[in-house]
């Protein structure tokens, strides 16, 4: 039986999830160490703007995960940056064939 595991990557927001990653390094390490299966990271809340001093933005993390087949099956884009949001949605839709379900993007 699988359980949901929710992760937020955001430098500012705090929501009720299992793990909050504040930097790109934290989320990349978590994805690499835990991998992505139905029994671990099932939901990712993804911000794009992660602070001026960070080497990556949310779009970079999404592309990194895409290239390594480590994108969780459920993605919720929390970014208020409309241009970045569109870029992330395009990766999910066109590159990964995820489908939109309300506010979530889901792996078919």
N, C-alpha and C. Protein backbone atom coordinates (compact mmCIF):
# COMPACT_ATOMS: atom_id res chain seq x y z
N UNK A 1 0.84 -1.18 0.00
CA UNK A 1 0.00 0.00 0.00
C UNK A 1 0.89 1.24 0.00
N UNK A 2 0.63 2.15 -0.90
CA UNK A 2 1.45 3.35 -0.98
C UNK A 2 0.84 4.46 -0.14
N UNK A 3 1.72 5.33 0.36
CA UNK A 3 1.28 6.51 1.09
C UNK A 3 1.81 7.73 0.37
N UNK A 4 1.13 8.82 0.55
CA UNK A 4 1.58 10.05 -0.09
C UNK A 4 2.70 10.68 0.70
N UNK A 5 3.65 11.27 -0.04
CA UNK A 5 4.77 11.97 0.58
C UNK A 5 4.90 13.30 -0.15
N UNK A 6 4.66 14.40 0.55
CA UNK A 6 4.61 15.73 -0.04
C UNK A 6 5.87 16.52 0.29
N UNK A 7 6.46 17.14 -0.75
CA UNK A 7 7.67 17.94 -0.60
C UNK A 7 7.43 19.32 -1.20
N UNK A 8 7.84 20.35 -0.49
CA UNK A 8 7.79 21.72 -0.97
C UNK A 8 9.21 22.20 -1.23
N UNK A 9 9.46 22.80 -2.40
CA UNK A 9 10.71 23.50 -2.66
C UNK A 9 10.36 24.97 -2.81
N UNK A 10 10.75 25.75 -1.80
CA UNK A 10 10.42 27.18 -1.75
C UNK A 10 11.32 27.82 -0.72
N UNK A 11 11.85 28.99 -1.05
CA UNK A 11 12.75 29.66 -0.11
C UNK A 11 12.01 30.44 0.96
N UNK A 12 10.70 30.64 0.83
CA UNK A 12 9.95 31.47 1.77
C UNK A 12 8.73 30.76 2.36
N UNK A 13 7.89 30.19 1.49
CA UNK A 13 6.61 29.62 1.94
C UNK A 13 6.81 28.47 2.92
N UNK A 14 5.81 28.33 3.78
CA UNK A 14 5.73 27.18 4.65
C UNK A 14 4.30 26.67 4.58
N UNK A 15 4.13 25.43 4.17
CA UNK A 15 2.83 24.79 4.15
C UNK A 15 2.97 23.44 4.84
N UNK A 16 1.87 22.80 5.11
CA UNK A 16 1.87 21.52 5.81
C UNK A 16 2.22 20.40 4.84
N UNK A 17 3.51 20.06 4.80
CA UNK A 17 4.01 18.97 3.95
C UNK A 17 4.96 18.12 4.78
N UNK A 18 5.41 17.03 4.21
CA UNK A 18 6.34 16.14 4.91
C UNK A 18 7.74 16.72 5.01
N UNK A 19 8.20 17.37 3.94
CA UNK A 19 9.55 17.95 3.90
C UNK A 19 9.50 19.29 3.18
N UNK A 20 10.22 20.27 3.70
CA UNK A 20 10.40 21.55 3.02
C UNK A 20 11.87 21.69 2.67
N UNK A 21 12.15 21.91 1.39
CA UNK A 21 13.51 22.17 0.92
C UNK A 21 13.60 23.65 0.60
N UNK A 22 14.59 24.32 1.15
CA UNK A 22 14.75 25.76 0.94
C UNK A 22 15.72 26.11 -0.18
N UNK A 23 16.56 25.16 -0.57
CA UNK A 23 17.56 25.44 -1.60
C UNK A 23 17.52 24.36 -2.67
N UNK A 24 18.01 24.68 -3.85
CA UNK A 24 18.10 23.66 -4.90
C UNK A 24 18.91 22.44 -4.46
N UNK A 25 19.99 22.67 -3.74
CA UNK A 25 20.83 21.55 -3.29
C UNK A 25 20.03 20.57 -2.45
N UNK A 26 19.19 21.08 -1.57
CA UNK A 26 18.39 20.20 -0.71
C UNK A 26 17.44 19.32 -1.53
N UNK A 27 16.75 19.88 -2.50
CA UNK A 27 15.80 19.08 -3.28
C UNK A 27 16.53 18.12 -4.21
N UNK A 28 17.64 18.54 -4.81
CA UNK A 28 18.39 17.64 -5.69
C UNK A 28 18.92 16.45 -4.90
N UNK A 29 19.44 16.70 -3.71
CA UNK A 29 19.93 15.62 -2.85
C UNK A 29 18.79 14.67 -2.48
N UNK A 30 17.65 15.24 -2.11
CA UNK A 30 16.50 14.42 -1.72
C UNK A 30 16.03 13.55 -2.89
N UNK A 31 15.90 14.13 -4.06
CA UNK A 31 15.45 13.37 -5.23
C UNK A 31 16.44 12.25 -5.57
N UNK A 32 17.73 12.54 -5.50
CA UNK A 32 18.74 11.54 -5.83
C UNK A 32 18.77 10.43 -4.79
N UNK A 33 18.70 10.78 -3.52
CA UNK A 33 18.80 9.77 -2.46
C UNK A 33 17.55 8.93 -2.34
N UNK A 34 16.38 9.56 -2.43
CA UNK A 34 15.13 8.83 -2.26
C UNK A 34 14.59 8.28 -3.55
N UNK A 35 14.94 8.90 -4.67
CA UNK A 35 14.35 8.50 -5.93
C UNK A 35 12.89 8.91 -5.96
N UNK A 36 12.19 8.49 -6.96
CA UNK A 36 10.77 8.81 -7.09
C UNK A 36 10.04 7.53 -7.45
N UNK A 37 9.28 7.03 -6.50
CA UNK A 37 8.42 5.87 -6.75
C UNK A 37 7.09 6.15 -6.08
N UNK A 38 6.14 5.25 -6.23
CA UNK A 38 4.84 5.47 -5.62
C UNK A 38 4.91 5.44 -4.10
N UNK A 39 6.01 4.97 -3.54
CA UNK A 39 6.11 4.87 -2.09
C UNK A 39 6.99 5.94 -1.45
N UNK A 40 7.51 6.90 -2.21
CA UNK A 40 8.27 7.96 -1.56
C UNK A 40 7.78 9.32 -2.03
N UNK A 41 8.52 10.07 -2.77
CA UNK A 41 8.10 11.42 -3.14
C UNK A 41 6.99 11.33 -4.18
N UNK A 42 5.77 11.57 -3.73
CA UNK A 42 4.62 11.45 -4.61
C UNK A 42 4.09 12.81 -5.08
N UNK A 43 4.32 13.85 -4.27
CA UNK A 43 3.79 15.18 -4.58
C UNK A 43 4.88 16.23 -4.36
N UNK A 44 5.07 17.08 -5.36
CA UNK A 44 6.06 18.16 -5.26
C UNK A 44 5.37 19.49 -5.49
N UNK A 45 5.52 20.40 -4.53
CA UNK A 45 5.06 21.78 -4.65
C UNK A 45 6.29 22.57 -5.07
N UNK A 46 6.25 23.18 -6.24
CA UNK A 46 7.44 23.74 -6.86
C UNK A 46 7.32 25.25 -7.07
N UNK A 47 8.23 25.98 -6.43
CA UNK A 47 8.34 27.42 -6.66
C UNK A 47 9.44 27.63 -7.70
N UNK A 48 9.43 28.76 -8.36
CA UNK A 48 10.50 29.04 -9.33
C UNK A 48 11.58 29.93 -8.73
N UNK A 49 11.19 31.02 -8.11
CA UNK A 49 12.16 31.98 -7.58
C UNK A 49 12.62 31.51 -6.20
N UNK A 50 13.86 31.04 -6.12
CA UNK A 50 14.36 30.43 -4.90
C UNK A 50 15.39 31.30 -4.18
N UNK A 51 15.40 32.58 -4.47
CA UNK A 51 16.34 33.49 -3.81
C UNK A 51 17.43 33.92 -4.76
N UNK A 52 17.88 35.16 -4.59
CA UNK A 52 18.88 35.74 -5.50
C UNK A 52 20.22 35.03 -5.46
N UNK A 53 20.55 34.40 -4.34
CA UNK A 53 21.87 33.80 -4.21
C UNK A 53 21.91 32.33 -4.62
N UNK A 54 20.83 31.83 -5.22
CA UNK A 54 20.77 30.41 -5.59
C UNK A 54 21.19 30.21 -7.05
N UNK A 55 21.89 29.11 -7.32
CA UNK A 55 22.38 28.86 -8.68
C UNK A 55 21.31 28.33 -9.63
N UNK A 56 20.16 27.90 -9.09
CA UNK A 56 19.10 27.33 -9.92
C UNK A 56 17.76 27.92 -9.52
N UNK A 57 16.84 27.90 -10.47
CA UNK A 57 15.45 28.26 -10.21
C UNK A 57 14.62 26.99 -10.33
N UNK A 58 13.33 27.10 -10.03
CA UNK A 58 12.45 25.94 -10.11
C UNK A 58 12.42 25.30 -11.48
N UNK A 59 12.44 26.09 -12.54
CA UNK A 59 12.45 25.54 -13.89
C UNK A 59 13.69 24.67 -14.12
N UNK A 60 14.83 25.11 -13.57
CA UNK A 60 16.07 24.33 -13.71
C UNK A 60 15.98 23.01 -12.97
N UNK A 61 15.37 23.05 -11.78
CA UNK A 61 15.18 21.82 -11.00
C UNK A 61 14.27 20.86 -11.74
N UNK A 62 13.19 21.38 -12.30
CA UNK A 62 12.26 20.54 -13.06
C UNK A 62 12.96 19.90 -14.26
N UNK A 63 13.74 20.67 -15.00
CA UNK A 63 14.45 20.11 -16.15
C UNK A 63 15.50 19.09 -15.72
N UNK A 64 16.19 19.37 -14.62
CA UNK A 64 17.18 18.43 -14.07
C UNK A 64 16.49 17.11 -13.73
N UNK A 65 15.35 17.18 -13.04
CA UNK A 65 14.61 15.98 -12.66
C UNK A 65 14.07 15.25 -13.89
N UNK A 66 13.60 16.02 -14.87
CA UNK A 66 13.11 15.43 -16.13
C UNK A 66 14.20 14.62 -16.80
N UNK A 67 15.39 15.19 -16.90
CA UNK A 67 16.51 14.54 -17.59
C UNK A 67 16.98 13.27 -16.88
N UNK A 68 16.63 13.11 -15.61
CA UNK A 68 17.04 11.94 -14.82
C UNK A 68 15.85 11.04 -14.45
N UNK A 69 14.69 11.35 -15.04
CA UNK A 69 13.46 10.60 -14.77
C UNK A 69 13.16 10.56 -13.27
N UNK A 70 13.28 11.72 -12.62
CA UNK A 70 13.03 11.85 -11.20
C UNK A 70 11.92 12.84 -10.87
N UNK A 71 11.04 13.08 -11.84
CA UNK A 71 9.92 14.00 -11.59
C UNK A 71 8.82 13.23 -10.86
N UNK A 72 8.41 13.71 -9.70
CA UNK A 72 7.31 13.04 -8.98
C UNK A 72 6.04 13.03 -9.83
N UNK A 73 5.13 12.11 -9.56
CA UNK A 73 3.93 11.97 -10.38
C UNK A 73 2.92 13.10 -10.24
N UNK A 74 3.03 13.90 -9.19
CA UNK A 74 2.09 15.00 -8.96
C UNK A 74 2.86 16.28 -8.67
N UNK A 75 2.63 17.31 -9.49
CA UNK A 75 3.34 18.58 -9.35
C UNK A 75 2.33 19.71 -9.18
N UNK A 76 2.58 20.56 -8.20
CA UNK A 76 1.76 21.75 -7.96
C UNK A 76 2.71 22.94 -8.04
N UNK A 77 2.53 23.80 -9.02
CA UNK A 77 3.40 24.97 -9.19
C UNK A 77 2.88 26.08 -8.28
N UNK A 78 3.71 26.48 -7.32
CA UNK A 78 3.30 27.51 -6.36
C UNK A 78 3.86 28.89 -6.71
N UNK A 79 4.56 28.99 -7.79
CA UNK A 79 5.19 30.24 -8.19
C UNK A 79 4.17 31.29 -8.59
N UNK A 80 4.37 32.51 -8.12
CA UNK A 80 3.54 33.65 -8.52
C UNK A 80 4.08 34.31 -9.79
N UNK A 81 5.25 33.89 -10.24
CA UNK A 81 5.88 34.41 -11.44
C UNK A 81 5.20 33.79 -12.66
N UNK A 82 4.37 34.57 -13.36
CA UNK A 82 3.55 34.02 -14.44
C UNK A 82 4.37 33.49 -15.61
N UNK A 83 5.47 34.14 -15.92
CA UNK A 83 6.31 33.66 -17.03
C UNK A 83 6.99 32.35 -16.66
N UNK A 84 7.52 32.27 -15.46
CA UNK A 84 8.16 31.04 -15.00
C UNK A 84 7.15 29.91 -14.88
N UNK A 85 5.96 30.24 -14.38
CA UNK A 85 4.89 29.23 -14.27
C UNK A 85 4.60 28.64 -15.65
N UNK A 86 4.46 29.47 -16.66
CA UNK A 86 4.17 29.00 -18.02
C UNK A 86 5.30 28.11 -18.54
N UNK A 87 6.53 28.50 -18.27
CA UNK A 87 7.68 27.68 -18.72
C UNK A 87 7.66 26.30 -18.06
N UNK A 88 7.34 26.26 -16.75
CA UNK A 88 7.26 24.98 -16.05
C UNK A 88 6.09 24.15 -16.55
N UNK A 89 4.96 24.80 -16.80
CA UNK A 89 3.80 24.09 -17.34
C UNK A 89 4.10 23.50 -18.71
N UNK A 90 4.86 24.24 -19.53
CA UNK A 90 5.23 23.73 -20.86
C UNK A 90 6.10 22.48 -20.75
N UNK A 91 7.05 22.48 -19.81
CA UNK A 91 7.88 21.28 -19.60
C UNK A 91 7.01 20.11 -19.18
N UNK A 92 6.11 20.35 -18.24
CA UNK A 92 5.24 19.28 -17.77
C UNK A 92 4.34 18.76 -18.89
N UNK A 93 3.74 19.66 -19.63
CA UNK A 93 2.80 19.26 -20.69
C UNK A 93 3.50 18.67 -21.91
N UNK A 94 4.43 19.42 -22.48
CA UNK A 94 5.03 19.02 -23.75
C UNK A 94 6.15 17.99 -23.61
N UNK A 95 7.00 18.15 -22.60
CA UNK A 95 8.12 17.22 -22.45
C UNK A 95 7.73 15.93 -21.73
N UNK A 96 6.86 16.07 -20.72
CA UNK A 96 6.54 14.92 -19.87
C UNK A 96 5.13 14.37 -20.08
N UNK A 97 4.33 15.05 -20.88
CA UNK A 97 2.95 14.65 -21.16
C UNK A 97 2.09 14.56 -19.89
N UNK A 98 2.42 15.34 -18.89
CA UNK A 98 1.57 15.42 -17.70
C UNK A 98 0.27 16.12 -18.09
N UNK A 99 -0.78 15.82 -17.37
CA UNK A 99 -2.07 16.45 -17.63
C UNK A 99 -2.49 17.28 -16.43
N UNK A 100 -3.16 18.36 -16.73
CA UNK A 100 -3.60 19.26 -15.66
C UNK A 100 -4.90 18.73 -15.06
N UNK A 101 -4.94 18.74 -13.72
CA UNK A 101 -6.11 18.29 -12.97
C UNK A 101 -6.34 19.33 -11.87
N UNK A 102 -7.12 20.35 -12.18
CA UNK A 102 -7.27 21.46 -11.24
C UNK A 102 -5.97 22.23 -11.15
N UNK A 103 -5.41 22.34 -9.95
CA UNK A 103 -4.13 23.02 -9.76
C UNK A 103 -2.94 22.07 -9.90
N UNK A 104 -3.21 20.79 -9.98
CA UNK A 104 -2.14 19.79 -10.05
C UNK A 104 -1.83 19.41 -11.50
N UNK A 105 -0.57 19.06 -11.72
CA UNK A 105 -0.14 18.42 -12.96
C UNK A 105 0.17 16.99 -12.58
N UNK A 106 -0.43 16.04 -13.31
CA UNK A 106 -0.31 14.64 -12.94
C UNK A 106 0.24 13.80 -14.10
N UNK A 107 1.08 12.85 -13.70
CA UNK A 107 1.63 11.90 -14.67
C UNK A 107 0.51 10.97 -15.09
N UNK A 108 0.31 10.81 -16.38
CA UNK A 108 -0.79 9.94 -16.84
C UNK A 108 -0.50 8.46 -16.57
